[in-house]
Every structure is written in structure tokens, then in C-alpha cells.
C-alpha atoms as a PDB file:
ATOM      1  CA  MET A   1       0.000   0.000   0.000  1.00  0.00           C
ATOM      2  CA  SER A   2       1.097   3.560  -0.673  1.00  0.00           C
ATOM      3  CA  GLY A   3      -0.266   7.043  -0.107  1.00  0.00           C
ATOM      4  CA  GLN A   4      -1.684   8.587   3.043  1.00  0.00           C
ATOM      5  CA  ALA A   5      -4.688   7.463   5.069  1.00  0.00           C
ATOM      6  CA  ASP A   6      -6.207  10.970   5.336  1.00  0.00           C
ATOM      7  CA  ALA A   7      -9.894  11.421   4.560  1.00  0.00           C
ATOM      8  CA  ALA A   8     -10.558  11.819   0.842  1.00  0.00           C
ATOM      9  CA  GLU A   9     -13.187  13.852  -0.920  1.00  0.00           C
ATOM     10  CA  VAL A  10     -13.474  11.160  -3.583  1.00  0.00           C
ATOM     11  CA  LEU A  11     -12.736   7.449  -3.388  1.00  0.00           C
ATOM     12  CA  VAL A  12     -12.082   5.912  -6.813  1.00  0.00           C
ATOM     13  CA  LEU A  13     -12.743   2.203  -6.873  1.00  0.00           C
ATOM     14  CA  GLY A  14     -11.051  -0.087  -9.396  1.00  0.00           C
ATOM     15  CA  GLY A  15      -9.735   0.609 -12.870  1.00  0.00           C
ATOM     16  CA  ALA A  16      -5.985   0.631 -12.170  1.00  0.00           C
ATOM     17  CA  GLY A  17      -3.658  -0.742 -14.829  1.00  0.00           C
ATOM     18  CA  VAL A  18      -1.305  -0.044 -17.709  1.00  0.00           C
ATOM     19  CA  ASP A  19      -1.833   0.584 -21.403  1.00  0.00           C
ATOM     20  CA  THR A  20       0.525  -0.077 -24.276  1.00  0.00           C
ATOM     21  CA  ILE A  21       0.015   2.668 -26.869  1.00  0.00           C
ATOM     22  CA  ILE A  22       0.563   2.013 -30.576  1.00  0.00           C
ATOM     23  CA  HIS A  23      -0.090   4.704 -33.190  1.00  0.00           C
ATOM     24  CA  VAL A  24      -1.272   3.015 -36.375  1.00  0.00           C
ATOM     25  CA  PRO A  25      -1.657   4.466 -39.890  1.00  0.00           C
ATOM     26  CA  GLU A  26      -5.412   3.889 -39.963  1.00  0.00           C
ATOM     27  CA  LEU A  27      -8.336   2.256 -38.181  1.00  0.00           C
ATOM     28  CA  PRO A  28      -9.526  -0.342 -38.863  1.00  0.00           C
ATOM     29  CA  LEU A  29      -6.013  -1.634 -39.440  1.00  0.00           C
ATOM     30  CA  PRO A  30      -5.780  -3.720 -42.638  1.00  0.00           C
ATOM     31  CA  TYR A  31      -4.117  -7.098 -42.294  1.00  0.00           C
ATOM     32  CA  ALA A  32      -0.394  -7.128 -43.000  1.00  0.00           C
ATOM     33  CA  ASP A  33       2.461  -9.352 -41.932  1.00  0.00           C
ATOM     34  CA  SER A  34       4.088  -6.399 -40.142  1.00  0.00           C
ATOM     35  CA  TYR A  35       3.966  -2.639 -39.608  1.00  0.00           C
ATOM     36  CA  MET A  36       6.828  -0.283 -38.831  1.00  0.00           C
ATOM     37  CA  ILE A  37       5.827   2.018 -35.943  1.00  0.00           C
ATOM     38  CA  ASP A  38       8.036   5.089 -36.248  1.00  0.00           C
ATOM     39  CA  SER A  39       6.383   6.891 -33.338  1.00  0.00           C
ATOM     40  CA  GLY A  40       7.344   4.090 -30.964  1.00  0.00           C
ATOM     41  CA  ILE A  41       5.422   1.614 -28.836  1.00  0.00           C
ATOM     42  CA  ARG A  42       5.065   2.826 -25.260  1.00  0.00           C
ATOM     43  CA  THR A  43       3.656   1.359 -22.075  1.00  0.00           C
ATOM     44  CA  ARG A  44       2.413   3.735 -19.394  1.00  0.00           C
ATOM     45  CA  ALA A  45       0.230   3.596 -16.310  1.00  0.00           C
ATOM     46  CA  GLY A  46      -3.294   4.791 -16.768  1.00  0.00           C
ATOM     47  CA  GLN A  47      -6.582   2.955 -17.166  1.00  0.00           C
ATOM     48  CA  THR A  48      -9.997   4.369 -16.397  1.00  0.00           C
ATOM     49  CA  GLY A  49      -9.710   4.512 -12.601  1.00  0.00           C
ATOM     50  CA  ASP A  50      -6.214   5.961 -12.786  1.00  0.00           C
ATOM     51  CA  PHE A  51      -7.348   8.693 -15.177  1.00  0.00           C
ATOM     52  CA  VAL A  52     -10.392   9.631 -13.117  1.00  0.00           C
ATOM     53  CA  ALA A  53      -8.198   9.824  -9.997  1.00  0.00           C
ATOM     54  CA  LEU A  54      -5.616  11.882 -11.894  1.00  0.00           C
ATOM     55  CA  GLY A  55      -8.295  14.272 -13.163  1.00  0.00           C
ATOM     56  CA  LEU A  56      -9.810  14.734  -9.711  1.00  0.00           C
ATOM     57  CA  ALA A  57      -6.425  15.361  -8.087  1.00  0.00           C
ATOM     58  CA  ALA A  58      -5.466  17.893 -10.781  1.00  0.00           C
ATOM     59  CA  LEU A  59      -8.660  19.791  -9.939  1.00  0.00           C
ATOM     60  CA  GLY A  60      -7.637  20.001  -6.290  1.00  0.00           C
ATOM     61  CA  LEU A  61      -9.802  17.239  -4.814  1.00  0.00           C
ATOM     62  CA  ARG A  62      -8.262  14.920  -2.231  1.00  0.00           C
ATOM     63  CA  THR A  63      -8.499  11.547  -3.921  1.00  0.00           C
ATOM     64  CA  HIS A  64      -7.943   7.976  -2.764  1.00  0.00           C
ATOM     65  CA  HIS A  65      -7.741   5.055  -5.199  1.00  0.00           C
ATOM     66  CA  LEU A  66      -8.442   1.450  -4.182  1.00  0.00           C
ATOM     67  CA  ASP A  67      -7.725  -1.521  -6.433  1.00  0.00           C
ATOM     68  CA  LEU A  68      -5.867  -4.789  -6.827  1.00  0.00           C
ATOM     69  CA  LEU A  69      -2.348  -4.626  -8.278  1.00  0.00           C
ATOM     70  CA  GLY A  70       0.238  -7.231  -9.126  1.00  0.00           C
ATOM     71  CA  ASP A  71       3.763  -7.371  -7.742  1.00  0.00           C
ATOM     72  CA  ASP A  72       5.145  -6.753 -11.212  1.00  0.00           C
ATOM     73  CA  PRO A  73       6.697  -3.963 -13.322  1.00  0.00           C
ATOM     74  CA  GLU A  74       3.242  -2.876 -14.472  1.00  0.00           C
ATOM     75  CA  GLY A  75       2.114  -2.473 -10.873  1.00  0.00           C
ATOM     76  CA  ASP A  76       5.230  -0.418 -10.189  1.00  0.00           C
ATOM     77  CA  LEU A  77       4.228   1.953 -13.015  1.00  0.00           C
ATOM     78  CA  VAL A  78       0.795   2.440 -11.436  1.00  0.00           C
ATOM     79  CA  ARG A  79       2.281   3.057  -7.991  1.00  0.00           C
ATOM     80  CA  ALA A  80       4.750   5.563  -9.429  1.00  0.00           C
ATOM     81  CA  LEU A  81       1.958   7.467 -11.210  1.00  0.00           C
ATOM     82  CA  HIS A  82       0.056   7.897  -7.963  1.00  0.00           C
ATOM     83  CA  ASP A  83       3.161   8.890  -6.027  1.00  0.00           C
ATOM     84  CA  GLU A  84       4.087  11.465  -8.684  1.00  0.00           C
ATOM     85  CA  HIS A  85       0.674  13.140  -8.533  1.00  0.00           C
ATOM     86  CA  GLY A  86       0.105  12.848  -4.785  1.00  0.00           C
ATOM     87  CA  ILE A  87      -2.843  10.464  -5.080  1.00  0.00           C
ATOM     88  CA  ALA A  88      -3.334   8.135  -2.126  1.00  0.00           C
ATOM     89  CA  LEU A  89      -3.388   4.509  -3.259  1.00  0.00           C
ATOM     90  CA  THR A  90      -4.449   1.381  -1.442  1.00  0.00           C
ATOM     91  CA  ALA A  91      -3.086  -1.444  -3.591  1.00  0.00           C
ATOM     92  CA  LEU A  92      -4.308  -4.903  -2.638  1.00  0.00           C
ATOM     93  CA  PRO A  93      -2.306  -7.909  -3.919  1.00  0.00           C
ATOM     94  CA  GLN A  94      -3.447  -9.413  -7.213  1.00  0.00           C
ATOM     95  CA  PRO A  95      -1.623 -12.726  -7.858  1.00  0.00           C
ATOM     96  CA  ALA A  96      -2.761 -12.748 -11.497  1.00  0.00           C
ATOM     97  CA  GLY A  97      -0.864  -9.516 -12.111  1.00  0.00           C
ATOM     98  CA  THR A  98      -1.718  -5.907 -12.893  1.00  0.00           C
ATOM     99  CA  LYS A  99      -4.430  -5.289 -15.477  1.00  0.00           C
ATOM    100  CA  ARG A 100      -3.156  -4.270 -18.885  1.00  0.00           C
ATOM    101  CA  ALA A 101      -4.435  -3.310 -22.309  1.00  0.00           C
ATOM    102  CA  VAL A 102      -3.220  -2.373 -25.781  1.00  0.00           C
ATOM    103  CA  ASN A 103      -4.581   0.803 -27.416  1.00  0.00           C
ATOM    104  CA  LEU A 104      -4.332   1.222 -31.170  1.00  0.00           C
ATOM    105  CA  VAL A 105      -4.612   4.952 -31.927  1.00  0.00           C
ATOM    106  CA  GLY A 106      -5.472   6.217 -35.413  1.00  0.00           C
ATOM    107  CA  PRO A 107      -4.289   9.485 -37.021  1.00  0.00           C
ATOM    108  CA  ASP A 108      -7.581  11.189 -36.086  1.00  0.00           C
ATOM    109  CA  GLY A 109      -7.228  10.276 -32.398  1.00  0.00           C
ATOM    110  CA  ARG A 110      -9.770   7.438 -32.416  1.00  0.00           C
ATOM    111  CA  ARG A 111      -8.722   4.289 -30.594  1.00  0.00           C
ATOM    112  CA  LEU A 112      -9.284   0.558 -30.490  1.00  0.00           C
ATOM    113  CA  SER A 113      -8.633  -0.998 -27.082  1.00  0.00           C
ATOM    114  CA  LEU A 114      -7.689  -4.631 -26.470  1.00  0.00           C
ATOM    115  CA  TYR A 115      -8.147  -5.697 -22.838  1.00  0.00           C
ATOM    116  CA  ASP A 116      -6.276  -8.586 -21.239  1.00  0.00           C
ATOM    117  CA  THR A 117      -8.957 -10.248 -19.112  1.00  0.00           C
ATOM    118  CA  SER A 118      -6.582 -12.899 -17.769  1.00  0.00           C
ATOM    119  CA  ARG A 119      -5.407 -10.507 -15.030  1.00  0.00           C
ATOM    120  CA  ALA A 120      -8.625 -10.803 -13.043  1.00  0.00           C
ATOM    121  CA  HIS A 121     -10.871 -13.528 -11.624  1.00  0.00           C
ATOM    122  CA  PRO A 122     -14.643 -13.580 -11.043  1.00  0.00           C
ATOM    123  CA  ASP A 123     -14.133 -14.065  -7.298  1.00  0.00           C
ATOM    124  CA  ASP A 124     -11.827 -11.049  -6.827  1.00  0.00           C
ATOM    125  CA  ARG A 125     -13.042  -9.011  -3.851  1.00  0.00           C
ATOM    126  CA  PHE A 126     -12.207  -5.880  -1.903  1.00  0.00           C
ATOM    127  CA  PRO A 127     -12.092  -6.634   1.855  1.00  0.00           C
ATOM    128  CA  GLU A 128     -15.342  -5.333   3.307  1.00  0.00           C
ATOM    129  CA  ALA A 129     -13.662  -3.670   6.283  1.00  0.00           C
ATOM    130  CA  THR A 130     -11.263  -1.761   4.001  1.00  0.00           C
ATOM    131  CA  LEU A 131     -14.088  -0.748   1.701  1.00  0.00           C
ATOM    132  CA  ARG A 132     -16.304   0.507   4.517  1.00  0.00           C
ATOM    133  CA  ALA A 133     -13.486   2.420   6.190  1.00  0.00           C
ATOM    134  CA  LEU A 134     -12.475   4.257   3.024  1.00  0.00           C
ATOM    135  CA  ALA A 135     -16.071   4.972   1.948  1.00  0.00           C
ATOM    136  CA  ALA A 136     -16.965   6.289   5.406  1.00  0.00           C
ATOM    137  CA  THR A 137     -14.306   9.008   5.182  1.00  0.00           C
ATOM    138  CA  SER A 138     -15.201  10.071   1.614  1.00  0.00           C
ATOM    139  CA  ARG A 139     -17.773  12.524   0.298  1.00  0.00           C
ATOM    140  CA  HIS A 140     -18.242  10.558  -2.901  1.00  0.00           C
ATOM    141  CA  VAL A 141     -17.271   7.204  -4.450  1.00  0.00           C
ATOM    142  CA  HIS A 142     -16.657   6.722  -8.170  1.00  0.00           C
ATOM    143  CA  VAL A 143     -17.044   3.060  -9.132  1.00  0.00           C
ATOM    144  CA  THR A 144     -15.486   1.542 -12.241  1.00  0.00           C
ATOM    145  CA  ILE A 145     -17.197  -1.439 -13.856  1.00  0.00           C
ATOM    146  CA  THR A 146     -14.615  -4.084 -12.949  1.00  0.00           C
ATOM    147  CA  GLN A 147     -15.607  -7.343 -11.277  1.00  0.00           C
ATOM    148  CA  PRO A 148     -14.426  -6.498  -7.726  1.00  0.00           C
ATOM    149  CA  CYS A 149     -16.524  -3.324  -7.906  1.00  0.00           C
ATOM    150  CA  ALA A 150     -19.628  -5.310  -8.850  1.00  0.00           C
ATOM    151  CA  HIS A 151     -19.252  -7.281  -5.618  1.00  0.00           C
ATOM    152  CA  ALA A 152     -18.704  -4.023  -3.712  1.00  0.00           C
ATOM    153  CA  LEU A 153     -21.960  -2.328  -4.779  1.00  0.00           C
ATOM    154  CA  PRO A 154     -24.197  -3.687  -1.972  1.00  0.00           C
ATOM    155  CA  VAL A 155     -21.709  -2.621   0.703  1.00  0.00           C
ATOM    156  CA  LEU A 156     -21.315   0.816  -0.843  1.00  0.00           C
ATOM    157  CA  ARG A 157     -25.067   1.354  -0.947  1.00  0.00           C
ATOM    158  CA  GLU A 158     -25.265   0.476   2.763  1.00  0.00           C
ATOM    159  CA  THR A 159     -22.757   3.225   3.591  1.00  0.00           C
ATOM    160  CA  GLY A 160     -25.033   5.895   2.103  1.00  0.00           C
ATOM    161  CA  VAL A 161     -22.143   7.640   0.322  1.00  0.00           C
ATOM    162  CA  PRO A 162     -23.181   9.051  -3.087  1.00  0.00           C
ATOM    163  CA  LEU A 163     -21.953   6.945  -5.999  1.00  0.00           C
ATOM    164  CA  SER A 164     -21.093   7.562  -9.623  1.00  0.00           C
ATOM    165  CA  THR A 165     -20.101   5.121 -12.344  1.00  0.00           C
ATOM    166  CA  ASP A 166     -19.111   5.126 -16.010  1.00  0.00           C
ATOM    167  CA  LEU A 167     -20.706   2.456 -18.218  1.00  0.00           C
ATOM    168  CA  HIS A 168     -18.417   3.416 -21.129  1.00  0.00           C
ATOM    169  CA  ASP A 169     -19.683   2.030 -24.454  1.00  0.00           C
ATOM    170  CA  TRP A 170     -22.649   0.100 -23.017  1.00  0.00           C
ATOM    171  CA  ASP A 171     -25.149  -0.940 -25.672  1.00  0.00           C
ATOM    172  CA  GLY A 172     -28.071  -0.595 -23.284  1.00  0.00           C
ATOM    173  CA  GLU A 173     -28.632  -4.364 -23.296  1.00  0.00           C
ATOM    174  CA  ASN A 174     -25.652  -6.151 -21.719  1.00  0.00           C
ATOM    175  CA  PRO A 175     -26.892  -7.240 -18.261  1.00  0.00           C
ATOM    176  CA  TYR A 176     -23.410  -6.979 -16.710  1.00  0.00           C
ATOM    177  CA  HIS A 177     -23.686  -3.176 -16.633  1.00  0.00           C
ATOM    178  CA  GLU A 178     -27.147  -2.980 -15.093  1.00  0.00           C
ATOM    179  CA  PRO A 179     -26.193  -3.288 -11.377  1.00  0.00           C
ATOM    180  CA  PHE A 180     -23.798  -0.369 -11.817  1.00  0.00           C
ATOM    181  CA  ALA A 181     -26.331   1.677 -13.782  1.00  0.00           C
ATOM    182  CA  TYR A 182     -29.079   1.215 -11.207  1.00  0.00           C
ATOM    183  CA  ALA A 183     -26.964   1.601  -8.036  1.00  0.00           C
ATOM    184  CA  ALA A 184     -25.284   4.925  -8.843  1.00  0.00           C
ATOM    185  CA  ASP A 185     -26.569   8.432  -8.167  1.00  0.00           C
ATOM    186  CA  VAL A 186     -24.693   9.799 -11.196  1.00  0.00           C
ATOM    187  CA  VAL A 187     -24.236   7.668 -14.317  1.00  0.00           C
ATOM    188  CA  PHE A 188     -21.886   8.422 -17.201  1.00  0.00           C
ATOM    189  CA  LEU A 189     -21.856   6.484 -20.467  1.00  0.00           C
ATOM    190  CA  SER A 190     -20.909   6.905 -24.093  1.00  0.00           C
ATOM    191  CA  ALA A 191     -23.626   7.344 -26.698  1.00  0.00           C
ATOM    192  CA  ALA A 192     -21.502   5.537 -29.293  1.00  0.00           C
ATOM    193  CA  ALA A 193     -23.308   2.171 -29.065  1.00  0.00           C
ATOM    194  CA  LEU A 194     -26.798   3.533 -28.326  1.00  0.00           C
ATOM    195  CA  ALA A 195     -29.444   3.696 -31.032  1.00  0.00           C
ATOM    196  CA  ASP A 196     -31.565   5.981 -28.839  1.00  0.00           C
ATOM    197  CA  PRO A 197     -29.497   7.647 -26.070  1.00  0.00           C
ATOM    198  CA  GLU A 198     -32.491   9.396 -24.492  1.00  0.00           C
ATOM    199  CA  ARG A 199     -34.456   6.173 -24.121  1.00  0.00           C
ATOM    200  CA  THR A 200     -31.519   4.420 -22.425  1.00  0.00           C
ATOM    201  CA  MET A 201     -30.839   7.402 -20.162  1.00  0.00           C
ATOM    202  CA  ARG A 202     -34.461   7.608 -19.047  1.00  0.00           C
ATOM    203  CA  ARG A 203     -34.555   3.873 -18.398  1.00  0.00           C
ATOM    204  CA  ILE A 204     -31.523   4.198 -16.129  1.00  0.00           C
ATOM    205  CA  ALA A 205     -33.215   6.997 -14.198  1.00  0.00           C
ATOM    206  CA  GLU A 206     -36.546   5.174 -13.960  1.00  0.00           C
ATOM    207  CA  ARG A 207     -35.152   1.829 -12.812  1.00  0.00           C
ATOM    208  CA  GLY A 208     -32.308   3.032 -10.625  1.00  0.00           C
ATOM    209  CA  ARG A 209     -31.273   5.731  -8.181  1.00  0.00           C
ATOM    210  CA  ALA A 210     -29.720   8.178 -10.626  1.00  0.00           C
ATOM    211  CA  ARG A 211     -31.136  11.671 -10.849  1.00  0.00           C
ATOM    212  CA  THR A 212     -28.324  12.620 -13.216  1.00  0.00           C
ATOM    213  CA  VAL A 213     -27.329  10.655 -16.339  1.00  0.00           C
ATOM    214  CA  VAL A 214     -24.804  11.885 -18.908  1.00  0.00           C
ATOM    215  CA  ALA A 215     -24.222  10.336 -22.329  1.00  0.00           C
ATOM    216  CA  THR A 216     -21.109  11.731 -23.996  1.00  0.00           C
ATOM    217  CA  ALA A 217     -21.088  11.952 -27.783  1.00  0.00           C
ATOM    218  CA  GLY A 218     -17.562  13.027 -28.697  1.00  0.00           C
ATOM    219  CA  ALA A 219     -17.420  15.965 -31.093  1.00  0.00           C
ATOM    220  CA  GLU A 220     -21.203  16.259 -30.885  1.00  0.00           C
ATOM    221  CA  GLY A 221     -21.085  17.132 -27.200  1.00  0.00           C
ATOM    222  CA  ALA A 222     -23.161  15.325 -24.588  1.00  0.00           C
ATOM    223  CA  HIS A 223     -26.725  14.591 -23.503  1.00  0.00           C
ATOM    224  CA  LEU A 224     -27.570  15.523 -19.907  1.00  0.00           C
ATOM    225  CA  LEU A 225     -30.608  14.124 -18.107  1.00  0.00           C
ATOM    226  CA  ALA A 226     -31.054  15.862 -14.754  1.00  0.00           C
ATOM    227  CA  ASP A 227     -34.221  15.582 -12.655  1.00  0.00           C
ATOM    228  CA  GLY A 228     -36.123  14.385 -15.700  1.00  0.00           C
ATOM    229  CA  GLU A 229     -35.068  17.231 -18.014  1.00  0.00           C
ATOM    230  CA  LEU A 230     -32.937  16.465 -21.076  1.00  0.00           C
ATOM    231  CA  THR A 231     -30.379  19.081 -22.150  1.00  0.00           C
ATOM    232  CA  ARG A 232     -27.904  19.041 -25.026  1.00  0.00           C
ATOM    233  CA  ILE A 233     -24.409  20.111 -23.954  1.00  0.00           C
ATOM    234  CA  PRO A 234     -22.242  21.415 -26.816  1.00  0.00           C
ATOM    235  CA  ALA A 235     -18.730  20.125 -27.286  1.00  0.00           C
ATOM    236  CA  ALA A 236     -15.920  22.405 -26.142  1.00  0.00           C
ATOM    237  CA  ASP A 237     -13.285  23.535 -28.618  1.00  0.00           C
ATOM    238  CA  PRO A 238     -10.002  21.654 -28.090  1.00  0.00           C
ATOM    239  CA  PRO A 239      -7.197  24.062 -27.143  1.00  0.00           C
ATOM    240  CA  ALA A 240      -4.754  22.270 -29.490  1.00  0.00           C
ATOM    241  CA  PRO A 241      -4.883  19.629 -32.248  1.00  0.00           C
ATOM    242  CA  VAL A 242      -6.661  16.410 -31.322  1.00  0.00           C
ATOM    243  CA  VAL A 243      -4.145  13.581 -31.018  1.00  0.00           C
ATOM    244  CA  ASP A 244      -5.851  10.914 -28.907  1.00  0.00           C
ATOM    245  CA  SER A 245      -9.352  10.435 -27.494  1.00  0.00           C
ATOM    246  CA  ASN A 246      -8.152   7.978 -24.850  1.00  0.00           C
ATOM    247  CA  GLY A 247      -9.105   9.227 -21.393  1.00  0.00           C
ATOM    248  CA  ALA A 248     -11.539  11.894 -22.621  1.00  0.00           C
ATOM    249  CA  GLY A 249     -14.510  10.228 -20.920  1.00  0.00           C
ATOM    250  CA  ASP A 250     -12.569   9.866 -17.679  1.00  0.00           C
ATOM    251  CA  ALA A 251     -11.600  13.550 -17.818  1.00  0.00           C
ATOM    252  CA  PHE A 252     -15.252  14.466 -18.418  1.00  0.00           C
ATOM    253  CA  ALA A 253     -16.352  12.452 -15.380  1.00  0.00           C
ATOM    254  CA  ALA A 254     -13.663  13.949 -13.140  1.00  0.00           C
ATOM    255  CA  ALA A 255     -14.536  17.533 -14.059  1.00  0.00           C
ATOM    256  CA  PHE A 256     -18.262  16.859 -13.729  1.00  0.00           C
ATOM    257  CA  LEU A 257     -17.714  15.463 -10.233  1.00  0.00           C
ATOM    258  CA  TYR A 258     -15.542  18.462  -9.353  1.00  0.00           C
ATOM    259  CA  GLY A 259     -18.446  20.710 -10.276  1.00  0.00           C
ATOM    260  CA  ARG A 260     -20.942  18.590  -8.373  1.00  0.00           C
ATOM    261  CA  LEU A 261     -18.851  18.555  -5.214  1.00  0.00           C
ATOM    262  CA  SER A 262     -18.410  22.330  -5.561  1.00  0.00           C
ATOM    263  CA  GLY A 263     -22.176  22.767  -5.497  1.00  0.00           C
ATOM    264  CA  GLU A 264     -22.620  23.653  -9.164  1.00  0.00           C
ATOM    265  CA  PRO A 265     -25.849  22.795 -11.051  1.00  0.00           C
ATOM    266  CA  PRO A 266     -25.761  19.767 -13.406  1.00  0.00           C
ATOM    267  CA  GLU A 267     -25.557  21.812 -16.616  1.00  0.00           C
ATOM    268  CA  ARG A 268     -22.473  23.691 -15.442  1.00  0.00           C
ATOM    269  CA  CYS A 269     -20.940  20.409 -14.254  1.00  0.00           C
ATOM    270  CA  ALA A 270     -21.479  18.977 -17.747  1.00  0.00           C
ATOM    271  CA  ARG A 271     -19.880  22.029 -19.354  1.00  0.00           C
ATOM    272  CA  TYR A 272     -16.871  21.535 -17.083  1.00  0.00           C
ATOM    273  CA  GLY A 273     -16.797  17.934 -18.282  1.00  0.00           C
ATOM    274  CA  ALA A 274     -16.863  18.967 -21.930  1.00  0.00           C
ATOM    275  CA  ILE A 275     -13.925  21.336 -21.414  1.00  0.00           C
ATOM    276  CA  ALA A 276     -11.870  18.690 -19.589  1.00  0.00           C
ATOM    277  CA  GLY A 277     -12.713  16.046 -22.205  1.00  0.00           C
ATOM    278  CA  ALA A 278     -11.605  18.351 -25.027  1.00  0.00           C
ATOM    279  CA  HIS A 279      -8.349  19.049 -23.192  1.00  0.00           C
ATOM    280  CA  ALA A 280      -7.713  15.303 -22.784  1.00  0.00           C
ATOM    281  CA  CYS A 281      -8.014  14.777 -26.545  1.00  0.00           C
ATOM    282  CA  THR A 282      -4.989  17.051 -27.064  1.00  0.00           C
ATOM    283  CA  VAL A 283      -2.732  15.055 -24.713  1.00  0.00           C
ATOM    284  CA  PRO A 284      -0.552  12.425 -26.415  1.00  0.00           C
ATOM    285  CA  ALA A 285      -1.432   8.883 -25.399  1.00  0.00           C
ATOM    286  CA  ALA A 286       1.981   8.229 -23.900  1.00  0.00           C
ATOM    287  CA  ARG A 287       1.455  11.000 -21.302  1.00  0.00           C
ATOM    288  CA  ALA A 288      -0.720  11.023 -18.204  1.00  0.00           C
ATOM    289  CA  ASP A 289      -1.880  14.598 -17.826  1.00  0.00           C
ATOM    290  CA  ALA A 290      -5.083  16.392 -16.821  1.00  0.00           C
ATOM    291  CA  ILE A 291      -6.475  19.908 -16.857  1.00  0.00           C
ATOM    292  CA  GLY A 292      -5.945  21.923 -13.671  1.00  0.00           C
ATOM    293  CA  ARG A 293      -8.619  23.804 -11.729  1.00  0.00           C
ATOM    294  CA  ASP A 294      -7.480  27.312 -12.686  1.00  0.00           C
ATOM    295  CA  GLU A 295      -7.381  26.445 -16.381  1.00  0.00           C
ATOM    296  CA  LEU A 296     -10.759  24.711 -16.245  1.00  0.00           C
ATOM    297  CA  LEU A 297     -12.418  27.709 -14.590  1.00  0.00           C
ATOM    298  CA  ARG A 298     -10.719  30.143 -16.965  1.00  0.00           C
ATOM    299  CA  ARG A 299     -11.958  28.266 -20.033  1.00  0.00           C
ATOM    300  CA  ALA A 300     -15.416  27.922 -18.532  1.00  0.00           C
ATOM    301  CA  ALA A 301     -15.549  31.677 -17.925  1.00  0.00           C
ATOM    302  CA  VAL A 302     -14.462  32.422 -21.509  1.00  0.00           C
ATOM    303  CA  ALA A 303     -17.017  29.968 -22.913  1.00  0.00           C
ATOM    304  CA  GLY A 304     -19.758  31.576 -20.825  1.00  0.00           C
ATOM    305  CA  ARG A 305     -19.264  35.073 -22.246  1.00  0.00           C
END
């Protein structure tokens, strides 16, 4: 374990790991015996939980991250990322090794992710005492959709701490995502696989606890459902050329939660998210970086004129 045991404003649960980034000439990638990758092939810490934690910490929120990590070089990369950014980390031993993935990134910043599911087991659990202790000292818990987090949902609901989750590219049908969708107070998801985003968002709100549901739609902005009212949130202009969309959804969620914990209304929270997501698209995949609070508020003020 690393990091301090001080009370956190946000507990991030799950989603720690490493990605290997490969820039490819196009997506989908046509079959060939080999490709020469002049930009290099790089492995860095940073999966969804890491990026949400990084985004929250960059915005000045005390953040604690709980997950299982292997005693391996990949786990060392994750630990080093948290140490570098002052993010408290409780790393429980994972004998199967640290989670990892390969991201193929196209010239337009789109990505194709390949996840190694051999680094986890269906019976992976967070110790209940650890989970309760960390949740009890947090204002909010953000839950990734990994297997240990699915087992943690009943305990988290008992604590009464507000929850958020990101369903990523859920198609609205896969039953695995439903416990997360219906347990959280704030639900994020991508509209990419949804034929009718509004219908899915309203179903989440009707069947679960969420009063706020956000479906991000890339360059088209986002759909915000708050207290039954649907609002279209425009995309923010990227401050530099778009190089990689990896982590944009995590940045959106972190900035939205920053706004929520600051007492802002849902629409302003979503506009914060759009600004942070646009910033993330300008960060090369090999770097772990996030927009800071001063820059977020400055861009939000300019956009509001």
C-alpha cells in the first residue's frame, strides 16, 4: 500500500492498470504481416480509474484510489503514477498480475482498445472492512465497472455515500452493466453504441437511483438528463490539435464530479466535463496529464461570455 490514510473527498474504486500505446496508420487496421511504428510503442500507467483519480487530483480534490495490483513492473508503473501526482493509493495484492491493455490509436485520435482479461478472476473481492473504512471518510465514491466493484456495490449502498459510475460504451442491453447503472446516483456512459441515447438514459433513471445521467457523444457534445429534463451540452473547442481520445470520458467524469462537489448545477458540471474532455483529446497517449482547476475555470468563464 502507498499514499496517506487521510480522509478523501473522492474514493475511486477499481480501474488501475497499464496501457501499451501504438499509433497506427489507420483504423480499422488492414491485415499485413508487419507494420513499422516510427512513433514508438510505449507502455504507461493509466486505465480508467487511474485517469479519473488523476483528473480529480489535478482539480484540487483529495483523492484515494483502491484496487488490486500485481507485484510486477506494471504495478510499479501504477504506484509511481500515484506517487508522482500525490494520489493516495491502497493497492491490494493481485496474484494474477496488474491489469493491462493495448490501445491502437489512429491518425484522427480514435482508438481501439484490447483488454487482457486474464489478469482478473470472477471471485476477486475488496475486503469489506477496508471498503467501509475508506467509503466512510469520503464525500463521494466513483465506481469503475470491474468485477471487484460489482461485488462491492451492496456494501457501498449500505454506507449511504453518493456513488457515480461510467458504463463506457454500453449498448443498453448487456446485463453486466445494469447493477452499476441502477446503483449509482450519477451515471456516465458513451452514446456511441446507443441507437436511442435518451431512451436508455431515461430507463436508467426510472429503474435506478440516478437523478443525473450523462451520455457523452464526442465531437457532438453530450446529452444531460437531470431531474427528468434532457439538455444538449455542446462540445468544447479543443485548445490544441486532437491527437488521442483515450481518457476523454474519464476527464469528463472527473470535471463533472468536481463541479458537483463544488455545489454547481448539473448543466455547469457537464460544461466543465466537456472542457476537460476536449483538453484530454490534445494530450498524447503516452502522457498522463489532466487539466488543472485554474485552467478549467478560466476556459469555462471564456465559454460563458
